[in-house]
Amino acid sequence: MAKEKLDLKGLSEQDLKEKISAEELRLKKMTFGHAITPIENPMSIRAVRRDIARMHTELRKRQLGF
């Protein structure tokens, strides 16, 4: 079960910011839901958190001009 790779280079800076905010909202809902009733795969929380970090890294790289 391979995880699909995020294609962040094809997104514009504005699209990347929107995707970050959407994923952060999804993460908040997941963690809140997990606190109430445990979700089936708690490792998905870690995966979403890492995807958000990857998006922040790509955004910062673009801001610095790399």
Protein backbone atom coordinates (compact mmCIF):
# COMPACT_ATOMS: atom_id res chain seq x y z
CA MET A 1 0.00 0.00 0.00
CA ALA A 2 2.19 2.81 -1.30
CA LYS A 3 1.25 6.36 -0.47
CA GLU A 4 0.92 8.72 -3.38
CA LYS A 5 3.49 11.49 -3.51
CA LEU A 6 2.35 15.09 -3.22
CA ASP A 7 2.84 17.14 -6.37
CA LEU A 8 3.63 20.51 -4.84
CA LYS A 9 5.78 21.90 -7.63
CA GLY A 10 2.81 22.13 -9.98
CA LEU A 11 0.81 24.33 -7.62
CA SER A 12 0.96 28.10 -7.52
CA GLU A 13 1.89 29.86 -4.31
CA GLN A 14 -1.73 30.84 -3.62
CA ASP A 15 -2.96 27.28 -4.25
CA LEU A 16 -0.29 25.99 -1.90
CA LYS A 17 -1.43 28.36 0.86
CA GLU A 18 -5.05 27.25 0.39
CA LYS A 19 -4.05 23.60 0.49
CA ILE A 20 -2.07 24.18 3.70
CA SER A 21 -5.03 25.81 5.43
CA ALA A 22 -7.38 23.03 4.27
CA GLU A 23 -5.01 20.32 5.52
CA GLU A 24 -4.52 22.10 8.86
CA LEU A 25 -8.29 22.18 9.33
CA ARG A 26 -8.46 18.49 8.43
CA LEU A 27 -5.72 17.74 10.99
CA LYS A 28 -7.60 19.61 13.72
CA LYS A 29 -10.77 17.66 12.98
CA MET A 30 -8.87 14.37 12.96
CA THR A 31 -7.15 15.01 16.30
CA PHE A 32 -10.38 16.19 17.90
CA GLY A 33 -12.25 13.18 16.58
CA HIS A 34 -9.48 10.87 17.77
CA ALA A 35 -9.72 12.32 21.27
CA ILE A 36 -13.43 11.51 21.43
CA THR A 37 -13.43 8.13 19.71
CA PRO A 38 -10.21 6.50 18.52
CA ILE A 39 -9.83 6.45 14.75
CA GLU A 40 -9.01 3.23 12.93
CA ASN A 41 -5.53 4.29 11.83
CA PRO A 42 -3.94 6.81 14.22
CA MET A 43 -0.80 6.89 12.06
CA SER A 44 -2.79 8.90 9.52
CA ILE A 45 -2.54 11.87 11.90
CA ARG A 46 1.24 11.68 11.62
CA ALA A 47 1.04 11.42 7.83
CA VAL A 48 -1.16 14.52 7.55
CA ARG A 49 1.13 16.45 9.90
CA ARG A 50 4.15 15.52 7.78
CA ASP A 51 2.35 16.49 4.57
CA ILE A 52 1.62 19.91 6.08
CA ALA A 53 5.30 20.26 6.97
CA ARG A 54 6.27 19.36 3.39
CA MET A 55 3.91 22.02 2.07
CA HIS A 56 5.32 24.63 4.45
CA THR A 57 8.83 23.68 3.34
CA GLU A 58 7.94 24.07 -0.35
CA LEU A 59 6.29 27.43 0.33
CA ARG A 60 9.33 28.68 2.24
CA LYS A 61 11.65 27.45 -0.49
CA ARG A 62 9.69 29.48 -3.03
CA GLN A 63 9.80 32.57 -0.82
CA LEU A 64 13.57 32.31 -0.54
CA GLY A 65 13.92 31.79 -4.27
CA PHE A 66 15.39 28.29 -4.38
